[in-house]
Amino acid sequence: MSQSGARWWADLRLRARLALAALAGAVAALGLAPFDLWFLGWLGFALLMALAASAPGPRPAAWTAWIGGAAHFAVALHWIVEPFFVDAARHGWMAPFALAFMAGGLALFWALPGWLAARLVPSRGARVLALAGLLALSEAARGVVLTGFPWAQPGHGLIASPLLGLAAWSGPHGLTALVLVAAAVLAALMLRGSVRAAAGLAMAPLLLLMLPARTPALIGPDAPIVRLVQPNAPQHLKWRQDMIPVFFQRALDLSETASGPAPDLIVWPETTLPVLLEDSAVTRARIARVAGGAQVLLGGQRFEGFRARNTAALLDAEGMIRQVYDKHHLVPFGEYMPGGPTAEALGLRGMAEVLAGGYSPGPGPDLLEIGGALGRVFPMICYEAIFPGYIREVPRPDWMVHLTNDAWFGQVSGPYQHLALARLRAVEQGLPVLRAANTGISAVIDGRGLVLASLPLNEAGALDAALPPALPPTAYARTGDWPILLLVLLATVACIGTGRRGPTLHPTG
């Protein structure tokens, strides 16, 4: 061990430690889309974990982890300010506060593991490994606490890497555990002052670039054809009275088959129907005329009694409603305001509310029975695609469809991160995902997570593509999250137990 190298970490002043932690968290965010610098993301986590594990006590460790987490989420989620500028005069002033509260609040899920690791594990080498386990468990909790927000997790940095296929075995939490454990090993070498070993390990991921590229799943000649429609309606114009018919006509034009056979299914994005579903008989008849005998799956809105729903509706060749699916996982502060009548009485409403009072959640995950070669599809509306577990609540479908309006997410990173999460969902289940996005990025994703075709961001267009085949159920599809989370829990407990028997390298008060 290099005593001088190890002492350097212990002697860092708090301000320098926090500054380096902020830098490390920001670098870790570069592993995510649209940067996709997964190698740098891993190094960022290693530096942050070394800083937190070498902090002189639980409180400095917690502050170090929190600062690193806040910087990470500020960089990764800076798109969160975009919805506030759709109506800048009304909401623009809230944007910096929203980003600060979002980044700082999510960073609490990193601060607690930092504090616990320093409090429970005197040995620095075991502490950094315990920190990896605690952070992986805390990130899993972040996906469910207060309705959950599993976005920008450490494992998401592997979506652009050659290791994405591991998600078929481990799911998203396994990817996160892999990133954090690998970062912890590198951090342990850094703490020991083993410069050569740390440098060698830091370069090791470059060997992954030598792996052969994944090949797309083979699509048969009789695969059904699906047309994805991207009308490209900017959010600040989407519901303006003079623009509603313009965007509807654009969607109709993109749906029409000028020559040749019509597709088997046409898919429109979230909330593309310009009228309430229950008042849409004339509108649906116009859609049916241009669909040329194809079924149409579209996003709309409806009232069920006094409850407003964000809905996906399946229309038959005559435009009649065959089946509906109501979005069940709504965006807090977006599609509804927590607090219900109290918030409404105070004049508070969700950013994405179109109907007064906000949306009400549907009964839960469901399947749409399209029939024929298209079989059964699992629908996800916008935000629901970031949650990996809902598909396990229904019988295994033949494919997944994602209707979304990413106009809310801006043009820099949000839409690309949302697309990346759809790719992860495909790999986890071994099922294709077809994605229709209002302003993009609409895409066809096969069961190995490969984007086979797409429409660029902020361009109107239609994409005809053969439906990729479903692959055999993956290990993750069969087991879900519990095996990997149980393994991480047992390994973390063992690491804490081992570390508590090791030497105390500094006070942990």
Protein backbone atom coordinates (compact mmCIF):
# COMPACT_ATOMS: atom_id res chain seq x y z
CA MET A 1 0.00 0.00 0.00
CA SER A 2 1.19 3.50 -0.77
CA GLN A 3 0.83 5.31 2.56
CA SER A 4 1.23 8.73 0.94
CA GLY A 5 -1.48 7.95 -1.63
CA ALA A 6 -3.87 6.63 1.00
CA ARG A 7 -3.23 9.61 3.28
CA TRP A 8 -4.00 12.01 0.42
CA TRP A 9 -7.63 10.88 0.45
CA ALA A 10 -7.91 11.16 4.23
CA ASP A 11 -6.33 14.62 4.35
CA LEU A 12 -8.65 16.22 1.78
CA ARG A 13 -10.32 19.30 3.21
CA LEU A 14 -14.11 19.25 3.18
CA ARG A 15 -14.48 21.97 0.55
CA ALA A 16 -12.05 20.24 -1.80
CA ARG A 17 -13.77 16.90 -1.16
CA LEU A 18 -17.19 18.37 -1.98
CA ALA A 19 -15.89 20.11 -5.10
CA LEU A 20 -14.37 16.87 -6.36
CA ALA A 21 -17.60 15.05 -5.49
CA ALA A 22 -19.61 17.50 -7.59
CA LEU A 23 -17.20 16.97 -10.49
CA ALA A 24 -17.41 13.19 -10.09
CA GLY A 25 -21.22 13.23 -10.06
CA ALA A 26 -21.33 15.39 -13.17
CA VAL A 27 -18.88 13.10 -14.97
CA ALA A 28 -20.94 10.06 -13.95
CA ALA A 29 -23.95 11.62 -15.69
CA LEU A 30 -22.04 11.63 -18.98
CA GLY A 31 -22.63 7.89 -19.18
CA LEU A 32 -26.29 8.59 -19.96
CA ALA A 33 -27.90 9.59 -23.24
CA PRO A 34 -27.37 11.73 -25.22
CA PHE A 35 -23.67 11.69 -24.23
CA ASP A 36 -23.43 7.87 -23.93
CA LEU A 37 -19.87 8.10 -22.55
CA TRP A 38 -20.39 4.99 -20.44
CA PHE A 39 -16.68 4.63 -19.78
CA LEU A 40 -16.47 8.09 -18.21
CA GLY A 41 -19.63 7.41 -16.25
CA TRP A 42 -17.98 4.45 -14.54
CA LEU A 43 -14.90 6.52 -13.67
CA GLY A 44 -17.11 9.25 -12.22
CA PHE A 45 -18.80 6.78 -9.89
CA ALA A 46 -15.43 5.37 -8.83
CA LEU A 47 -14.11 8.81 -7.87
CA LEU A 48 -17.30 9.69 -5.99
CA MET A 49 -17.25 6.44 -4.03
CA ALA A 50 -13.58 6.90 -3.13
CA LEU A 51 -14.34 10.39 -1.84
CA ALA A 52 -17.34 9.26 0.20
CA ALA A 53 -15.60 6.20 1.62
CA SER A 54 -12.54 8.19 2.72
CA ALA A 55 -14.55 10.98 4.40
CA PRO A 56 -13.69 11.46 8.10
CA GLY A 57 -17.02 10.40 9.55
CA PRO A 58 -20.66 9.77 8.65
CA ARG A 59 -21.68 13.41 8.21
CA PRO A 60 -18.90 14.35 5.77
CA ALA A 61 -19.54 11.09 3.94
CA ALA A 62 -23.24 11.90 3.64
CA TRP A 63 -22.52 15.43 2.42
CA THR A 64 -20.02 14.08 -0.10
CA ALA A 65 -22.47 11.54 -1.48
CA TRP A 66 -25.26 14.13 -1.52
CA ILE A 67 -23.23 16.71 -3.41
CA GLY A 68 -22.14 14.10 -5.93
CA GLY A 69 -25.71 12.92 -6.36
CA ALA A 70 -27.07 16.45 -6.74
CA ALA A 71 -24.51 17.23 -9.45
CA HIS A 72 -25.28 13.95 -11.19
CA PHE A 73 -29.03 14.56 -11.28
CA ALA A 74 -28.63 18.24 -12.19
CA VAL A 75 -26.66 17.25 -15.30
CA ALA A 76 -28.72 14.19 -16.17
CA LEU A 77 -32.14 15.75 -15.55
CA HIS A 78 -31.60 19.32 -16.67
CA TRP A 79 -34.41 18.71 -19.18
CA ILE A 80 -36.83 18.94 -16.23
CA VAL A 81 -36.88 22.71 -16.73
CA GLU A 82 -38.34 22.40 -20.24
CA PRO A 83 -42.03 22.00 -19.25
CA PHE A 84 -41.86 25.26 -17.32
CA PHE A 85 -41.00 27.18 -20.49
CA VAL A 86 -43.97 25.90 -22.49
CA ASP A 87 -45.88 28.71 -20.76
CA ALA A 88 -42.87 30.76 -19.70
CA ALA A 89 -44.88 33.77 -18.54
CA ARG A 90 -46.75 31.63 -16.03
CA HIS A 91 -44.25 28.98 -15.01
CA GLY A 92 -40.79 30.04 -16.19
CA TRP A 93 -39.72 31.44 -12.81
CA MET A 94 -40.21 27.99 -11.26
CA ALA A 95 -37.70 26.22 -13.55
CA PRO A 96 -34.47 26.70 -11.53
CA PHE A 97 -36.24 25.83 -8.30
CA ALA A 98 -37.70 22.68 -9.86
CA LEU A 99 -34.27 21.51 -11.00
CA ALA A 100 -32.70 22.32 -7.63
CA PHE A 101 -35.41 20.52 -5.65
CA MET A 102 -35.42 17.55 -8.02
CA ALA A 103 -31.63 17.12 -7.98
CA GLY A 104 -31.32 17.74 -4.26
CA GLY A 105 -34.25 15.50 -3.37
CA LEU A 106 -33.08 12.55 -5.45
CA ALA A 107 -29.56 12.98 -4.07
CA LEU A 108 -30.91 12.09 -0.61
CA PHE A 109 -31.05 8.50 -1.89
CA TRP A 110 -27.26 8.72 -2.22
CA ALA A 111 -26.61 10.60 1.02
CA LEU A 112 -28.17 7.90 3.20
CA PRO A 113 -25.92 5.09 1.87
CA GLY A 114 -22.92 7.39 2.34
CA TRP A 115 -23.85 7.99 5.97
CA LEU A 116 -24.65 4.33 6.69
CA ALA A 117 -21.45 3.01 5.15
CA ALA A 118 -19.31 5.40 7.20
CA ARG A 119 -21.30 4.71 10.35
CA LEU A 120 -21.34 0.92 10.09
CA VAL A 121 -18.02 -0.02 8.48
CA PRO A 122 -14.74 1.15 10.05
CA SER A 123 -12.53 -0.51 7.42
CA ARG A 124 -12.19 1.71 4.37
CA GLY A 125 -11.72 -1.13 1.91
CA ALA A 126 -14.89 -2.92 3.03
CA ARG A 127 -16.67 0.42 3.38
CA VAL A 128 -16.45 1.27 -0.29
CA LEU A 129 -17.86 -2.16 -1.22
CA ALA A 130 -20.62 -1.78 1.36
CA LEU A 131 -21.35 1.65 -0.10
CA ALA A 132 -21.81 0.06 -3.53
CA GLY A 133 -24.39 -2.37 -2.16
CA LEU A 134 -26.21 0.22 -0.09
CA LEU A 135 -26.36 2.60 -3.02
CA ALA A 136 -27.70 -0.14 -5.32
CA LEU A 137 -30.45 -0.92 -2.81
CA SER A 138 -31.24 2.75 -2.35
CA GLU A 139 -31.52 3.24 -6.12
CA ALA A 140 -34.00 0.36 -6.22
CA ALA A 141 -36.00 2.12 -3.50
CA ARG A 142 -35.92 5.33 -5.54
CA GLY A 143 -37.89 3.50 -8.18
CA VAL A 144 -40.86 2.97 -5.85
CA VAL A 145 -40.83 5.59 -3.05
CA LEU A 146 -43.42 8.36 -3.52
CA THR A 147 -44.68 6.67 -6.73
CA GLY A 148 -41.07 6.19 -7.87
CA PHE A 149 -38.74 7.87 -10.34
CA PRO A 150 -36.27 5.29 -11.74
CA TRP A 151 -34.63 7.68 -14.20
CA ALA A 152 -30.86 8.31 -14.49
CA GLN A 153 -29.88 5.26 -12.46
CA PRO A 154 -26.21 4.21 -12.52
CA GLY A 155 -27.01 1.12 -14.57
CA HIS A 156 -28.60 3.20 -17.30
CA GLY A 157 -25.10 4.23 -18.30
CA LEU A 158 -24.64 0.73 -19.75
CA ILE A 159 -27.51 1.08 -22.24
CA ALA A 160 -25.09 2.47 -24.82
CA SER A 161 -22.40 -0.09 -23.95
CA PRO A 162 -21.74 -3.64 -25.20
CA LEU A 163 -23.07 -4.88 -21.83
CA LEU A 164 -26.71 -3.91 -22.45
CA GLY A 165 -27.57 -7.53 -23.17
CA LEU A 166 -26.90 -8.42 -19.52
CA ALA A 167 -30.22 -6.78 -18.67
CA ALA A 168 -31.94 -9.88 -20.05
CA TRP A 169 -30.50 -11.73 -17.03
CA SER A 170 -30.21 -9.12 -14.33
CA GLY A 171 -32.73 -6.38 -15.14
CA PRO A 172 -32.00 -2.72 -14.44
CA HIS A 173 -30.93 -3.23 -10.83
CA GLY A 174 -28.37 -5.82 -11.88
CA LEU A 175 -26.85 -3.29 -14.28
CA THR A 176 -26.72 -0.74 -11.47
CA ALA A 177 -25.07 -3.23 -9.11
CA LEU A 178 -22.51 -4.11 -11.79
CA VAL A 179 -21.58 -0.46 -12.37
CA LEU A 180 -21.32 0.30 -8.66
CA VAL A 181 -19.37 -2.82 -7.70
CA ALA A 182 -16.91 -2.27 -10.56
CA ALA A 183 -16.58 1.36 -9.50
CA ALA A 184 -16.08 0.29 -5.87
CA VAL A 185 -13.22 -2.05 -6.81
CA LEU A 186 -11.53 0.77 -8.69
CA ALA A 187 -12.21 3.13 -5.76
CA ALA A 188 -10.65 0.64 -3.33
CA LEU A 189 -7.45 0.59 -5.41
CA MET A 190 -7.47 4.38 -5.48
CA LEU A 191 -7.83 4.52 -1.70
CA ARG A 192 -4.91 2.14 -1.27
CA GLY A 193 -2.76 4.37 -3.44
CA SER A 194 -2.25 1.54 -5.94
CA VAL A 195 -1.79 3.86 -8.90
CA ARG A 196 -0.68 1.31 -11.47
CA ALA A 197 -3.37 -1.20 -10.58
CA ALA A 198 -6.04 1.50 -10.58
CA ALA A 199 -4.88 2.83 -13.94
CA GLY A 200 -4.87 -0.67 -15.42
CA LEU A 201 -8.37 -1.40 -14.15
CA ALA A 202 -9.60 1.98 -15.38
CA MET A 203 -8.52 1.06 -18.90
CA ALA A 204 -10.00 -2.45 -18.77
CA PRO A 205 -13.50 -1.49 -20.02
CA LEU A 206 -11.95 -0.48 -23.33
CA LEU A 207 -11.56 -4.21 -23.99
CA LEU A 208 -15.35 -4.39 -24.23
CA LEU A 209 -15.11 -2.46 -27.49
CA MET A 210 -13.55 -5.59 -28.99
CA LEU A 211 -16.74 -7.59 -28.44
CA PRO A 212 -18.67 -8.38 -31.64
CA ALA A 213 -21.65 -6.17 -32.33
CA ARG A 214 -25.06 -7.63 -31.56
CA THR A 215 -27.07 -8.70 -34.57
CA PRO A 216 -30.77 -7.86 -34.96
CA ALA A 217 -33.37 -10.54 -34.40
CA LEU A 218 -34.34 -12.12 -37.72
CA ILE A 219 -37.65 -10.78 -39.07
CA GLY A 220 -39.72 -13.20 -41.13
CA PRO A 221 -41.13 -12.29 -44.57
CA ASP A 222 -44.71 -12.52 -43.28
CA ALA A 223 -44.22 -10.16 -40.33
CA PRO A 224 -47.05 -7.62 -39.97
CA ILE A 225 -46.35 -4.02 -40.98
CA VAL A 226 -46.88 -1.22 -38.48
CA ARG A 227 -46.91 2.45 -39.40
CA LEU A 228 -45.69 4.87 -36.72
CA VAL A 229 -47.01 8.41 -37.13
CA GLN A 230 -45.03 11.39 -35.82
CA PRO A 231 -47.06 14.60 -36.34
CA ASN A 232 -44.47 16.87 -34.64
CA ALA A 233 -46.79 19.19 -32.72
CA PRO A 234 -44.72 21.52 -30.49
CA GLN A 235 -46.16 21.62 -27.00
CA HIS A 236 -46.74 25.38 -26.91
CA LEU A 237 -48.88 25.05 -30.08
CA LYS A 238 -50.42 21.61 -29.60
CA TRP A 239 -53.65 22.76 -27.92
CA ARG A 240 -54.00 26.18 -29.51
CA GLN A 241 -57.45 26.32 -31.12
CA ASP A 242 -56.19 27.44 -34.51
CA MET A 243 -53.47 24.76 -34.58
CA ILE A 244 -55.47 21.72 -33.42
CA PRO A 245 -56.97 21.08 -36.91
CA VAL A 246 -53.56 21.65 -38.51
CA PHE A 247 -51.88 18.92 -36.47
CA PHE A 248 -54.85 16.58 -36.86
CA GLN A 249 -54.79 16.96 -40.63
CA ARG A 250 -51.04 16.34 -40.58
CA ALA A 251 -51.58 13.08 -38.70
CA LEU A 252 -54.26 12.08 -41.22
CA ASP A 253 -51.97 12.83 -44.16
CA LEU A 254 -49.15 10.80 -42.62
CA SER A 255 -51.53 7.89 -41.99
CA GLU A 256 -52.84 7.67 -45.54
CA THR A 257 -51.44 5.09 -47.95
CA ALA A 258 -50.82 6.80 -51.29
CA SER A 259 -50.12 3.57 -53.16
CA GLY A 260 -49.62 -0.09 -52.38
CA PRO A 261 -51.15 -2.07 -49.52
CA ALA A 262 -52.05 -0.41 -46.24
CA PRO A 263 -50.16 -1.43 -43.09
CA ASP A 264 -51.70 -3.87 -40.63
CA LEU A 265 -51.72 -1.28 -37.84
CA ILE A 266 -51.26 2.47 -37.60
CA VAL A 267 -50.04 3.96 -34.31
CA TRP A 268 -50.50 7.58 -33.26
CA PRO A 269 -48.73 9.10 -30.23
CA GLU A 270 -50.08 10.06 -26.84
CA THR A 271 -53.04 12.54 -26.77
CA THR A 272 -53.09 12.93 -30.57
CA LEU A 273 -56.88 12.63 -30.89
CA PRO A 274 -58.07 16.28 -30.99
CA VAL A 275 -61.44 15.68 -29.27
CA LEU A 276 -62.65 13.62 -26.35
CA LEU A 277 -62.91 9.95 -27.23
CA GLU A 278 -66.62 9.83 -26.37
CA ASP A 279 -67.28 12.74 -28.77
CA SER A 280 -65.09 11.45 -31.58
CA ALA A 281 -67.47 9.56 -33.91
CA VAL A 282 -66.97 11.96 -36.81
CA THR A 283 -63.24 12.25 -36.15
CA ARG A 284 -62.82 8.48 -35.98
CA ALA A 285 -64.67 8.09 -39.26
CA ARG A 286 -62.15 10.42 -40.91
CA ILE A 287 -59.29 8.39 -39.44
CA ALA A 288 -60.82 5.16 -40.72
CA ARG A 289 -61.11 6.56 -44.25
CA VAL A 290 -57.39 7.34 -44.50
CA ALA A 291 -56.35 4.14 -42.68
CA GLY A 292 -57.38 2.06 -45.69
CA GLY A 293 -58.68 -0.89 -43.70
CA ALA A 294 -55.92 -0.89 -41.09
CA GLN A 295 -56.63 -0.88 -37.39
CA VAL A 296 -55.47 2.26 -35.58
CA LEU A 297 -54.03 2.57 -32.08
CA LEU A 298 -54.03 6.17 -30.90
CA GLY A 299 -53.60 8.28 -27.83
CA GLY A 300 -56.51 10.40 -26.64
CA GLN A 301 -58.45 11.63 -23.66
CA ARG A 302 -61.80 10.64 -22.26
CA PHE A 303 -64.09 11.04 -19.30
CA GLU A 304 -65.31 8.05 -17.35
CA GLY A 305 -68.01 9.61 -15.24
CA PHE A 306 -66.29 12.62 -13.75
CA ARG A 307 -62.82 11.09 -14.05
CA ALA A 308 -60.54 12.28 -16.84
CA ARG A 309 -58.31 9.61 -18.38
CA ASN A 310 -55.17 9.65 -20.49
CA THR A 311 -56.12 6.86 -22.87
CA ALA A 312 -54.94 4.60 -25.65
CA ALA A 313 -57.79 3.48 -27.91
CA LEU A 314 -57.75 0.66 -30.44
CA LEU A 315 -59.97 1.36 -33.45
CA ASP A 316 -61.13 -1.22 -35.98
CA ALA A 317 -61.18 -0.73 -39.75
CA GLU A 318 -64.48 1.21 -39.50
CA GLY A 319 -63.21 3.50 -36.75
CA MET A 320 -65.21 1.82 -33.99
CA ILE A 321 -63.59 1.60 -30.56
CA ARG A 322 -62.55 -2.00 -29.91
CA GLN A 323 -60.68 -1.58 -26.63
CA VAL A 324 -59.23 1.15 -24.43
CA TYR A 325 -56.34 1.30 -22.01
CA ASP A 326 -56.13 4.09 -19.42
CA LYS A 327 -52.74 5.23 -18.19
CA HIS A 328 -52.43 4.05 -14.61
CA HIS A 329 -49.11 5.57 -13.48
CA LEU A 330 -49.53 9.32 -13.75
CA VAL A 331 -46.84 11.99 -13.45
CA PRO A 332 -47.14 13.83 -10.11
CA PHE A 333 -47.16 17.62 -10.55
CA GLY A 334 -47.54 16.97 -14.28
CA GLU A 335 -50.78 15.09 -14.91
CA TYR A 336 -52.18 15.62 -11.44
CA MET A 337 -51.40 17.56 -8.29
CA PRO A 338 -50.75 15.63 -5.07
CA GLY A 339 -53.23 16.87 -2.49
CA GLY A 340 -56.26 16.53 -4.75
CA PRO A 341 -59.11 18.91 -3.81
CA THR A 342 -56.87 20.94 -1.50
CA ALA A 343 -54.42 21.68 -4.30
CA GLU A 344 -57.30 22.47 -6.67
CA ALA A 345 -58.82 24.88 -4.13
CA LEU A 346 -55.49 26.70 -3.98
CA GLY A 347 -55.47 27.06 -7.77
CA LEU A 348 -52.66 24.55 -8.27
CA ARG A 349 -52.72 22.27 -11.31
CA GLY A 350 -50.40 19.85 -13.02
CA MET A 351 -48.14 21.15 -15.77
CA ALA A 352 -49.49 18.71 -18.34
CA GLU A 353 -53.16 19.00 -17.41
CA VAL A 354 -55.40 19.56 -20.42
CA LEU A 355 -58.69 18.63 -18.77
CA ALA A 356 -59.80 20.49 -15.64
CA GLY A 357 -58.99 18.69 -12.41
CA GLY A 358 -56.17 16.63 -13.90
CA TYR A 359 -56.19 12.98 -14.90
CA SER A 360 -57.28 10.03 -12.79
CA PRO A 361 -55.29 6.80 -12.98
CA GLY A 362 -56.62 3.76 -14.78
CA PRO A 363 -57.08 0.42 -13.04
CA GLY A 364 -53.62 -0.90 -13.89
CA PRO A 365 -51.49 -2.62 -16.53
CA ASP A 366 -53.40 -4.38 -19.30
CA LEU A 367 -53.08 -5.92 -22.75
CA LEU A 368 -54.71 -4.89 -26.00
CA GLU A 369 -55.91 -7.79 -28.13
CA ILE A 370 -55.17 -6.72 -31.72
CA GLY A 371 -55.47 -10.19 -33.18
CA GLY A 372 -53.96 -11.94 -36.15
CA ALA A 373 -50.19 -11.78 -36.51
CA LEU A 374 -50.10 -8.74 -34.25
CA GLY A 375 -51.42 -10.75 -31.32
CA ARG A 376 -51.41 -9.09 -27.91
CA VAL A 377 -49.59 -5.86 -27.16
CA PHE A 378 -48.58 -4.33 -23.83
CA PRO A 379 -49.31 -0.56 -23.98
CA MET A 380 -47.22 2.03 -22.16
CA ILE A 381 -48.17 5.70 -22.19
CA CYS A 382 -45.26 8.13 -21.82
CA TYR A 383 -43.85 7.96 -18.28
CA GLU A 384 -44.95 4.35 -17.75
CA ALA A 385 -42.08 3.11 -19.92
CA ILE A 386 -39.53 4.01 -17.23
CA PHE A 387 -40.90 1.32 -14.90
CA PRO A 388 -39.65 -2.21 -15.58
CA GLY A 389 -42.04 -4.29 -13.48
CA TYR A 390 -45.55 -3.55 -14.68
CA ILE A 391 -45.39 -5.95 -17.61
CA ARG A 392 -45.04 -8.86 -15.17
CA GLU A 393 -48.55 -8.13 -13.85
CA VAL A 394 -50.16 -9.33 -17.10
CA PRO A 395 -49.73 -12.45 -19.27
CA ARG A 396 -46.71 -12.27 -21.55
CA PRO A 397 -47.57 -10.20 -24.64
CA ASP A 398 -46.20 -10.54 -28.17
CA TRP A 399 -44.73 -7.02 -28.21
CA MET A 400 -44.85 -3.65 -26.48
CA VAL A 401 -46.01 -0.27 -27.74
CA HIS A 402 -45.03 3.10 -26.30
CA LEU A 403 -47.24 6.12 -27.00
CA THR A 404 -45.59 9.30 -25.80
CA ASN A 405 -45.45 13.07 -26.12
CA ASP A 406 -41.81 13.92 -25.52
CA ALA A 407 -42.38 17.53 -26.59
CA TRP A 408 -42.40 18.22 -22.85
CA PHE A 409 -38.79 17.02 -22.54
CA GLY A 410 -37.12 19.57 -24.79
CA GLN A 411 -34.59 18.83 -27.51
CA VAL A 412 -31.29 18.14 -25.77
CA SER A 413 -31.38 15.06 -23.56
CA GLY A 414 -34.84 14.10 -22.30
CA PRO A 415 -36.16 12.45 -25.49
CA TYR A 416 -32.91 10.51 -25.97
CA GLN A 417 -32.96 9.24 -22.39
CA HIS A 418 -36.60 8.20 -22.76
CA LEU A 419 -35.73 6.28 -25.93
CA ALA A 420 -32.82 4.61 -24.13
CA LEU A 421 -35.17 3.39 -21.38
CA ALA A 422 -37.47 1.90 -24.02
CA ARG A 423 -34.45 0.00 -25.35
CA LEU A 424 -33.77 -1.31 -21.85
CA ARG A 425 -37.38 -2.49 -21.49
CA ALA A 426 -37.01 -4.43 -24.77
CA VAL A 427 -33.85 -6.25 -23.62
CA GLU A 428 -35.27 -7.04 -20.18
CA GLN A 429 -38.23 -8.89 -21.68
CA GLY A 430 -36.84 -10.02 -25.02
CA LEU A 431 -39.76 -8.25 -26.68
CA PRO A 432 -39.82 -5.63 -29.43
CA VAL A 433 -40.93 -2.10 -28.55
CA LEU A 434 -42.57 0.14 -31.14
CA ARG A 435 -42.53 3.76 -30.10
CA ALA A 436 -44.74 6.54 -31.51
CA ALA A 437 -43.66 9.94 -30.18
CA ASN A 438 -45.36 13.22 -31.02
CA THR A 439 -42.15 15.17 -31.71
CA GLY A 440 -39.85 12.14 -31.73
CA ILE A 441 -37.99 10.00 -31.37
CA SER A 442 -40.34 7.39 -32.87
CA ALA A 443 -38.55 4.08 -33.25
CA VAL A 444 -38.70 0.35 -33.88
CA ILE A 445 -36.67 -1.56 -31.29
CA ASP A 446 -36.10 -5.30 -31.42
CA GLY A 447 -35.91 -7.69 -28.48
CA ARG A 448 -32.14 -7.21 -28.24
CA GLY A 449 -32.48 -3.47 -27.75
CA LEU A 450 -31.31 -2.50 -31.23
CA VAL A 451 -32.99 0.48 -32.89
CA LEU A 452 -33.86 -0.88 -36.34
CA ALA A 453 -35.48 2.29 -37.67
CA SER A 454 -36.38 5.70 -36.31
CA LEU A 455 -37.70 9.16 -37.13
CA PRO A 456 -35.52 12.14 -36.15
CA LEU A 457 -36.44 14.50 -33.38
CA ASN A 458 -38.63 17.48 -34.34
CA GLU A 459 -39.53 16.21 -37.79
CA ALA A 460 -42.96 15.14 -39.00
CA GLY A 461 -43.04 11.78 -40.70
CA ALA A 462 -44.39 8.25 -40.91
CA LEU A 463 -42.36 5.08 -40.51
CA ASP A 464 -43.50 1.72 -41.91
CA ALA A 465 -41.68 -1.23 -40.38
CA ALA A 466 -42.08 -4.97 -40.01
CA LEU A 467 -42.78 -6.02 -36.44
CA PRO A 468 -39.66 -7.74 -35.03
CA PRO A 469 -40.26 -11.16 -33.48
CA ALA A 470 -40.57 -11.84 -29.79
CA LEU A 471 -37.58 -13.69 -28.36
CA PRO A 472 -37.95 -16.48 -25.77
CA PRO A 473 -38.73 -15.17 -22.27
CA THR A 474 -35.57 -13.88 -20.62
CA ALA A 475 -34.37 -14.88 -17.16
CA TYR A 476 -35.39 -11.44 -15.93
CA ALA A 477 -38.86 -11.81 -17.48
CA ARG A 478 -39.28 -15.05 -15.52
CA THR A 479 -37.95 -13.89 -12.15
CA GLY A 480 -38.20 -10.09 -11.92
CA ASP A 481 -36.12 -7.98 -9.55
CA TRP A 482 -36.15 -10.01 -6.35
CA PRO A 483 -33.30 -12.46 -7.03
CA ILE A 484 -30.78 -9.74 -7.87
CA LEU A 485 -31.96 -7.50 -5.03
CA LEU A 486 -31.73 -10.38 -2.55
CA LEU A 487 -28.23 -11.16 -3.77
CA VAL A 488 -27.19 -7.52 -3.40
CA LEU A 489 -28.72 -7.39 0.09
CA LEU A 490 -26.93 -10.53 1.28
CA ALA A 491 -23.61 -9.39 -0.20
CA THR A 492 -23.99 -5.97 1.42
CA VAL A 493 -24.77 -7.45 4.84
CA ALA A 494 -21.77 -9.77 4.52
CA CYS A 495 -19.55 -6.87 3.51
CA ILE A 496 -20.73 -4.78 6.46
CA GLY A 497 -20.14 -7.71 8.83
CA THR A 498 -16.65 -8.29 7.47
CA GLY A 499 -15.82 -4.60 7.54
CA ARG A 500 -16.88 -4.19 11.16
CA ARG A 501 -14.30 -6.81 12.15
CA GLY A 502 -11.56 -5.02 10.22
CA PRO A 503 -9.24 -2.27 11.51
CA THR A 504 -10.57 1.20 12.16
CA LEU A 505 -8.64 3.60 9.93
CA HIS A 506 -10.16 6.82 11.27
CA PRO A 507 -12.85 7.96 13.69
CA THR A 508 -16.44 7.50 12.52
CA GLY A 509 -18.17 9.91 14.79
